[in-house]
């Protein structure tokens, strides 16, 4: 079996994290989501992996290369163009359109292929899913997972016969409208013949275009109801919640890195913590080269990225700070994610460093952070 990782989207619902990162590169415990996926594929003997890329494609390609250090062979299909001035413009052509482009170019999909979105953590038993796909003689299988009825409005819902044959789809129905609670997980198993249904040189989506076509033509298209961990990073709230769960030890086989120096507190290399008057309540990870000044407060679950600086009197409570974040004296982050010049609360309220004189943070590599009184004086003049 081969694999296709879908990684061409902009990830607009995860902004500000995706202002400078493609969604598959969002880190969980310091490692990109897509790296966990590749490790999972390789564990099941899937080594040949194509990735369609577009937005900030170089971040993905430079990190993963051709896959040797992951025990895989990775290829890329760029969707976009370069203008006369040499500027790169992303131009995604849809999940199915991206697969068609790859097939037309080199015929990569010459055997059963697992298709998976590059922005979720899974522990799906791929051998079992492939066995069911072949046992039913499916052309395409969609992996589904039961979700509570009160959550169906957040998912694409699959409606299937008792034997699993797909009848229809509902895109984020209300609880009253929902005919099923089987959510599509964005994981599909496809035979090469399925790609013959995809038009060339046209935007075409797997869920919105290919799947309805399979139903219309009454082709062997089946849903598999599976019980597995599926952690989707759909938005900033999801990211914040996932990292909170991981730090609390609620996600199997995901462990906090670093050295545990006291109950619930892990640190990377060469961290500096001035303990006098400092409060640190785990679970907390403090990245390599981070300085926590005396009198700072960190309450977990919290993740402090490497090279950060938590000043005296600053408070970081159930929050995630990306690398090189300096939090000034008196600043409080609670239930927040801080990335570069932006902070966003777990419910999606976003701020820029220039928006609020009472909340100060900047790049820890920048020596120009002013004391609070100086900044307030500048703003009042």
Protein backbone atom coordinates (compact mmCIF):
# COMPACT_ATOMS: atom_id res chain seq x y z
CA UNK A 1 0.00 0.00 0.00
CA UNK A 2 1.13 3.53 -0.78
CA UNK A 3 0.10 6.77 0.92
CA UNK A 4 -0.97 10.27 0.00
CA UNK A 5 -0.80 13.05 2.59
CA UNK A 6 -3.00 16.07 1.87
CA UNK A 7 -1.01 19.16 2.88
CA UNK A 8 -1.87 21.95 0.44
CA UNK A 9 -4.40 23.96 2.46
CA UNK A 10 -3.84 27.32 4.16
CA UNK A 11 -5.31 26.30 7.51
CA UNK A 12 -7.17 29.59 7.95
CA UNK A 13 -9.07 28.34 11.01
CA UNK A 14 -5.79 27.82 12.87
CA UNK A 15 -4.54 31.37 12.46
CA UNK A 16 -2.36 32.93 13.79
CA UNK A 17 -0.37 29.67 13.95
CA UNK A 18 -0.58 29.32 10.17
CA UNK A 19 0.55 32.85 9.33
CA UNK A 20 4.08 31.47 9.09
CA UNK A 21 3.50 27.69 9.29
CA UNK A 22 1.60 25.34 7.00
CA UNK A 23 -0.96 23.44 9.07
CA UNK A 24 0.85 20.04 8.96
CA UNK A 25 3.88 21.71 10.56
CA UNK A 26 2.03 22.80 13.72
CA UNK A 27 4.03 21.22 16.56
CA UNK A 28 2.70 18.93 19.26
CA UNK A 29 5.32 18.35 21.97
CA UNK A 30 7.81 20.11 19.72
CA UNK A 31 7.24 17.80 16.72
CA UNK A 32 5.15 18.58 13.62
CA UNK A 33 1.79 16.81 13.36
CA UNK A 34 2.80 15.42 9.97
CA UNK A 35 5.87 13.76 11.46
CA UNK A 36 3.65 11.68 13.73
CA UNK A 37 1.66 10.63 10.66
CA UNK A 38 4.73 9.57 8.72
CA UNK A 39 6.02 7.58 11.68
CA UNK A 40 2.64 5.83 11.90
CA UNK A 41 2.65 4.98 8.19
CA UNK A 42 6.18 3.58 8.35
CA UNK A 43 5.27 1.48 11.39
CA UNK A 44 2.71 -0.29 9.19
CA UNK A 45 5.20 -0.79 6.36
CA UNK A 46 4.00 2.10 4.18
CA UNK A 47 7.13 3.79 2.88
CA UNK A 48 6.16 5.37 -0.46
CA UNK A 49 4.42 8.64 0.38
CA UNK A 50 3.36 11.51 -1.90
CA UNK A 51 2.49 14.90 -0.40
CA UNK A 52 0.64 17.65 -2.23
CA UNK A 53 1.90 21.05 -1.09
CA UNK A 54 1.09 24.66 -1.87
CA UNK A 55 0.95 27.25 0.94
CA UNK A 56 4.43 27.69 2.49
CA UNK A 57 5.44 24.48 0.76
CA UNK A 58 9.14 24.98 1.42
CA UNK A 59 8.62 24.64 5.18
CA UNK A 60 7.35 21.10 4.67
CA UNK A 61 9.85 20.11 2.00
CA UNK A 62 12.89 21.46 3.85
CA UNK A 63 11.94 19.65 7.05
CA UNK A 64 11.05 16.24 5.64
CA UNK A 65 13.31 16.16 2.57
CA UNK A 66 12.99 12.88 0.70
CA UNK A 67 12.18 11.02 3.89
CA UNK A 68 15.37 9.03 4.53
CA UNK A 69 15.66 9.89 8.24
CA UNK A 70 12.06 8.75 8.75
CA UNK A 71 12.52 5.43 6.98
CA UNK A 72 10.29 6.58 4.13
CA UNK A 73 10.47 7.73 0.51
CA UNK A 74 8.68 11.06 0.22
CA UNK A 75 7.79 12.95 -2.95
CA UNK A 76 6.04 16.30 -3.40
CA UNK A 77 3.58 17.79 -5.85
CA UNK A 78 3.53 21.59 -5.77
CA UNK A 79 0.25 23.31 -6.58
CA UNK A 80 0.85 26.88 -7.68
CA UNK A 81 3.11 28.94 -9.90
CA UNK A 82 5.94 31.47 -9.97
CA UNK A 83 5.27 34.85 -11.62
CA UNK A 84 7.65 36.89 -13.79
CA UNK A 85 9.21 38.47 -10.69
CA UNK A 86 10.00 35.09 -9.18
CA UNK A 87 7.31 35.31 -6.50
CA UNK A 88 5.67 32.02 -5.53
CA UNK A 89 1.88 31.90 -5.52
CA UNK A 90 0.05 28.92 -3.98
CA UNK A 91 -2.91 27.65 -5.98
CA UNK A 92 -4.45 24.48 -4.48
CA UNK A 93 -6.54 22.42 -6.90
CA UNK A 94 -8.54 20.37 -4.41
CA UNK A 95 -7.70 17.10 -2.68
CA UNK A 96 -8.89 14.95 -5.60
CA UNK A 97 -7.47 17.38 -8.16
CA UNK A 98 -4.10 17.12 -6.45
CA UNK A 99 -4.17 13.34 -6.72
CA UNK A 100 -5.13 13.51 -10.40
CA UNK A 101 -2.21 15.85 -11.09
CA UNK A 102 0.19 13.36 -9.49
CA UNK A 103 -1.31 10.45 -11.41
CA UNK A 104 -1.15 12.25 -14.75
CA UNK A 105 2.46 13.20 -14.17
CA UNK A 106 3.99 9.89 -13.17
CA UNK A 107 1.33 7.26 -12.44
CA UNK A 108 2.22 7.02 -8.75
CA UNK A 109 -1.12 5.52 -7.71
CA UNK A 110 -0.64 2.05 -9.20
CA UNK A 111 -1.84 0.13 -6.13
CA UNK A 112 -4.14 0.56 -3.16
CA UNK A 113 -3.47 3.94 -1.55
CA UNK A 114 -4.19 5.35 1.89
CA UNK A 115 -5.17 9.02 1.68
CA UNK A 116 -4.89 11.06 4.85
CA UNK A 117 -5.10 14.70 5.87
CA UNK A 118 -1.83 16.06 7.21
CA UNK A 119 -3.30 17.79 10.26
CA UNK A 120 -4.51 15.03 12.60
CA UNK A 121 -2.99 12.56 15.04
CA UNK A 122 -4.20 8.96 14.66
CA UNK A 123 -3.46 5.46 15.92
CA UNK A 124 -5.64 3.63 13.38
CA UNK A 125 -4.84 -0.04 12.75
CA UNK A 126 -4.07 0.31 9.03
CA UNK A 127 -3.75 -3.43 8.42
CA UNK A 128 -7.25 -4.05 9.77
CA UNK A 129 -8.71 -1.19 7.72
CA UNK A 130 -7.04 -2.49 4.55
CA UNK A 131 -8.34 -6.02 5.24
CA UNK A 132 -11.94 -4.78 5.51
CA UNK A 133 -11.53 -2.64 2.37
CA UNK A 134 -10.42 -5.66 0.34
CA UNK A 135 -12.91 -8.07 1.93
CA UNK A 136 -15.79 -5.87 0.76
CA UNK A 137 -14.28 -5.34 -2.69
CA UNK A 138 -14.42 -1.58 -2.18
CA UNK A 139 -13.28 0.88 -4.80
CA UNK A 140 -13.09 3.53 -2.07
CA UNK A 141 -13.46 3.27 1.70
CA UNK A 142 -13.95 6.20 4.05
CA UNK A 143 -12.86 5.72 7.66
CA UNK A 144 -15.48 7.03 10.07
CA UNK A 145 -15.73 7.44 13.79
CA UNK A 146 -18.84 7.75 15.92
CA UNK A 147 -19.22 11.16 17.55
CA UNK A 148 -21.83 12.28 20.10
CA UNK A 149 -25.03 13.52 18.43
CA UNK A 150 -24.58 16.92 20.03
CA UNK A 151 -21.30 17.29 18.10
CA UNK A 152 -22.46 16.29 14.59
CA UNK A 153 -22.69 19.93 13.47
CA UNK A 154 -18.88 20.10 13.59
CA UNK A 155 -18.31 17.28 11.08
CA UNK A 156 -19.02 15.89 7.67
CA UNK A 157 -21.47 13.08 8.41
CA UNK A 158 -21.62 9.81 6.46
CA UNK A 159 -24.95 8.00 6.02
CA UNK A 160 -24.51 4.30 5.24
CA UNK A 161 -26.46 1.06 4.81
CA UNK A 162 -26.11 -1.65 7.52
CA UNK A 163 -23.37 -3.30 5.43
CA UNK A 164 -21.46 -0.02 5.28
CA UNK A 165 -22.28 0.99 1.70
CA UNK A 166 -22.45 4.77 1.60
CA UNK A 167 -25.84 6.29 0.76
CA UNK A 168 -25.26 10.01 1.24
CA UNK A 169 -23.43 12.75 3.09
CA UNK A 170 -24.44 15.62 5.31
CA UNK A 171 -22.09 18.54 5.75
CA UNK A 172 -22.21 19.71 9.37
CA UNK A 173 -25.94 19.02 9.92
CA UNK A 174 -27.81 20.18 12.99
CA UNK A 175 -28.53 17.53 15.59
CA UNK A 176 -32.16 17.47 14.44
CA UNK A 177 -31.21 17.05 10.76
CA UNK A 178 -28.50 14.43 11.25
CA UNK A 179 -29.27 10.99 9.84
CA UNK A 180 -26.15 9.46 11.37
CA UNK A 181 -23.40 10.16 13.87
CA UNK A 182 -20.61 8.70 11.72
CA UNK A 183 -18.06 11.47 11.13
CA UNK A 184 -15.66 11.33 8.20
CA UNK A 185 -12.13 11.44 9.59
CA UNK A 186 -10.46 12.52 6.36
CA UNK A 187 -8.87 9.08 6.02
CA UNK A 188 -9.64 7.16 2.83
CA UNK A 189 -8.51 3.97 1.09
CA UNK A 190 -8.62 4.12 -2.70
CA UNK A 191 -8.03 1.80 -5.62
CA UNK A 192 -6.28 3.28 -8.69
CA UNK A 193 -9.50 3.02 -10.77
CA UNK A 194 -11.11 5.67 -8.55
CA UNK A 195 -8.80 8.29 -10.02
CA UNK A 196 -10.30 7.70 -13.48
CA UNK A 197 -13.41 9.52 -12.22
CA UNK A 198 -11.46 12.70 -11.44
CA UNK A 199 -11.35 15.29 -14.26
CA UNK A 200 -8.00 16.74 -15.34
CA UNK A 201 -7.00 20.36 -14.82
CA UNK A 202 -9.99 21.18 -12.64
CA UNK A 203 -10.48 21.95 -8.95
CA UNK A 204 -11.97 18.76 -7.53
CA UNK A 205 -12.44 17.81 -3.89
CA UNK A 206 -12.62 14.28 -2.50
CA UNK A 207 -15.47 14.93 -0.07
CA UNK A 208 -17.47 17.51 -2.00
CA UNK A 209 -17.05 16.17 -5.55
CA UNK A 210 -15.65 12.63 -5.78
CA UNK A 211 -17.74 11.02 -3.05
CA UNK A 212 -21.13 12.22 -4.37
CA UNK A 213 -20.06 10.94 -7.80
CA UNK A 214 -19.30 7.51 -6.35
CA UNK A 215 -22.76 7.40 -4.75
CA UNK A 216 -24.46 8.61 -7.93
CA UNK A 217 -22.78 5.90 -10.00
CA UNK A 218 -23.58 3.25 -7.35
CA UNK A 219 -19.95 2.16 -7.21
CA UNK A 220 -18.57 0.00 -4.33
CA UNK A 221 -18.04 2.81 -1.85
CA UNK A 222 -18.05 1.82 1.81
CA UNK A 223 -17.79 3.44 5.23
CA UNK A 224 -15.76 1.72 7.90
CA UNK A 225 -16.77 2.44 11.49
CA UNK A 226 -13.54 2.32 13.46
CA UNK A 227 -12.61 2.75 17.10
CA UNK A 228 -9.31 4.62 17.33
CA UNK A 229 -7.80 7.85 18.56
CA UNK A 230 -8.36 10.65 16.07
CA UNK A 231 -7.21 14.06 17.20
CA UNK A 232 -8.05 16.69 14.62
CA UNK A 233 -6.29 20.08 14.79
CA UNK A 234 -9.19 21.93 13.18
CA UNK A 235 -8.78 25.27 14.91
CA UNK A 236 -6.85 27.03 17.67
CA UNK A 237 -9.22 25.69 20.32
CA UNK A 238 -8.46 22.15 19.16
CA UNK A 239 -4.71 22.82 19.28
CA UNK A 240 -4.93 24.28 22.79
CA UNK A 241 -7.13 21.38 23.98
CA UNK A 242 -4.89 18.72 22.44
CA UNK A 243 -1.75 20.07 24.07
CA UNK A 244 -3.57 20.39 27.40
CA UNK A 245 -4.61 16.72 27.14
CA UNK A 246 -1.13 15.57 26.12
CA UNK A 247 0.54 17.40 29.00
CA UNK A 248 -1.96 15.83 31.42
CA UNK A 249 -1.02 12.38 30.11
CA UNK A 250 -4.43 11.70 28.57
CA UNK A 251 -3.15 10.80 25.10
CA UNK A 252 -1.64 7.33 24.82
CA UNK A 253 1.96 6.96 23.63
CA UNK A 254 2.65 10.71 23.71
CA UNK A 255 5.07 11.74 26.40
CA UNK A 256 6.48 15.07 27.53
CA UNK A 257 10.12 15.40 26.43
CA UNK A 258 13.02 16.69 28.49
CA UNK A 259 14.11 15.87 32.05
CA UNK A 260 11.66 15.82 34.93
CA UNK A 261 13.14 18.00 37.69
CA UNK A 262 10.21 17.82 40.08
CA UNK A 263 6.68 16.42 40.10
CA UNK A 264 5.02 17.50 36.86
CA UNK A 265 7.83 19.80 35.68
CA UNK A 266 10.00 18.89 32.68
CA UNK A 267 12.81 20.99 31.23
CA UNK A 268 14.95 20.97 28.12
CA UNK A 269 18.70 21.46 28.05
CA UNK A 270 20.35 24.45 29.68
CA UNK A 271 17.23 26.06 31.11
CA UNK A 272 17.61 28.67 33.84
CA UNK A 273 15.01 28.93 36.58
CA UNK A 274 15.46 31.46 39.39
CA UNK A 275 13.40 29.74 42.08
CA UNK A 276 13.17 32.51 44.70
CA UNK A 277 9.52 33.61 44.76
CA UNK A 278 8.77 31.58 41.63
CA UNK A 279 5.68 29.36 41.38
CA UNK A 280 5.60 26.46 38.93
CA UNK A 281 2.66 24.03 39.13
CA UNK A 282 2.74 21.11 36.70
CA UNK A 283 2.23 19.69 34.27
CA UNK A 284 4.66 22.12 32.67
CA UNK A 285 7.32 21.80 29.99
CA UNK A 286 10.00 24.51 29.84
CA UNK A 287 12.02 24.40 26.65
CA UNK A 288 15.79 24.43 26.21
CA UNK A 289 17.53 27.73 26.82
CA UNK A 290 14.53 29.32 28.52
CA UNK A 291 14.99 31.77 31.41
CA UNK A 292 12.34 31.94 34.15
CA UNK A 293 13.04 34.91 36.40
CA UNK A 294 12.46 34.95 40.16
CA UNK A 295 8.87 35.83 40.99
CA UNK A 296 7.34 34.43 37.79
CA UNK A 297 4.30 32.14 37.89
CA UNK A 298 3.63 29.18 35.56
CA UNK A 299 0.54 27.03 36.12
CA UNK A 300 0.01 23.96 33.98
CA UNK A 301 -0.89 22.43 31.77
CA UNK A 302 1.57 24.79 30.06
CA UNK A 303 4.17 24.53 27.32
CA UNK A 304 7.00 27.08 27.14
CA UNK A 305 8.88 26.95 23.84
CA UNK A 306 12.66 26.94 23.70
CA UNK A 307 14.62 30.17 24.04
CA UNK A 308 11.78 31.94 25.87
CA UNK A 309 12.04 34.42 28.74
CA UNK A 310 9.43 34.69 31.50
CA UNK A 311 10.09 37.90 33.41
CA UNK A 312 9.59 38.43 37.13
CA UNK A 313 5.92 39.00 37.93
CA UNK A 314 4.69 37.51 34.64
CA UNK A 315 2.06 34.76 34.78
CA UNK A 316 1.55 31.94 32.29
CA UNK A 317 -1.54 29.91 33.17
CA UNK A 318 -2.71 26.90 31.13
CA UNK A 319 -1.12 28.41 28.06
CA UNK A 320 1.17 27.57 25.15
CA UNK A 321 4.08 29.83 24.26
CA UNK A 322 5.91 29.14 21.02
CA UNK A 323 9.68 29.46 20.88
CA UNK A 324 11.50 32.71 21.72
CA UNK A 325 8.58 34.34 23.54
CA UNK A 326 9.44 36.98 26.14
CA UNK A 327 6.61 37.73 28.58
CA UNK A 328 7.09 41.05 30.35
CA UNK A 329 6.64 41.82 34.03
CA UNK A 330 2.97 42.03 35.00
CA UNK A 331 1.68 40.35 31.84
CA UNK A 332 -0.78 37.50 32.32
CA UNK A 333 -1.53 34.83 29.74
CA UNK A 334 -4.38 32.51 30.72
CA UNK A 335 -5.87 29.79 28.50
CA UNK A 336 -3.96 31.26 25.56
CA UNK A 337 -1.65 30.40 22.70
CA UNK A 338 1.15 32.88 21.94
CA UNK A 339 2.82 32.72 18.55
CA UNK A 340 5.15 35.48 17.42
CA UNK A 341 3.41 38.86 17.60
CA UNK A 342 -0.01 37.28 18.20
CA UNK A 343 -1.84 35.79 21.13
CA UNK A 344 -5.16 33.98 20.90
CA UNK A 345 -7.34 32.65 23.69
CA UNK A 346 -8.75 29.12 23.60
CA UNK A 347 -12.09 30.54 22.42
CA UNK A 348 -10.51 32.34 19.45
CA UNK A 349 -10.09 35.96 20.63
CA UNK A 350 -6.92 37.22 18.94
CA UNK A 351 -4.60 40.07 19.88
CA UNK A 352 -1.48 41.63 18.41
CA UNK A 353 1.34 42.93 20.60
CA UNK A 354 0.34 46.48 19.66
CA UNK A 355 -3.31 46.08 20.69
CA UNK A 356 -3.13 46.22 24.47
CA UNK A 357 -0.66 48.22 26.59
CA UNK A 358 -1.45 45.99 29.56
CA UNK A 359 -0.26 42.85 27.81
CA UNK A 360 3.35 42.85 26.69
CA UNK A 361 5.31 40.18 24.94
CA UNK A 362 7.83 40.11 22.14
CA UNK A 363 10.60 38.05 20.60
CA UNK A 364 13.04 37.01 23.32
CA UNK A 365 15.87 37.65 20.87
CA UNK A 366 14.82 41.32 20.66
CA UNK A 367 16.54 43.48 23.28
CA UNK A 368 14.21 46.41 22.68
CA UNK A 369 11.33 45.45 24.99
CA UNK A 370 10.54 48.52 27.08
CA UNK A 371 9.45 48.48 30.74
CA UNK A 372 5.67 48.74 31.10
CA UNK A 373 5.82 52.34 32.34
CA UNK A 374 7.91 53.38 29.33
CA UNK A 375 5.47 51.85 26.85
CA UNK A 376 2.48 53.47 28.55
CA UNK A 377 4.28 56.82 28.45
CA UNK A 378 4.98 56.44 24.74
CA UNK A 379 1.31 55.56 24.04
CA UNK A 380 0.05 58.61 25.97
CA UNK A 381 2.14 61.09 23.99
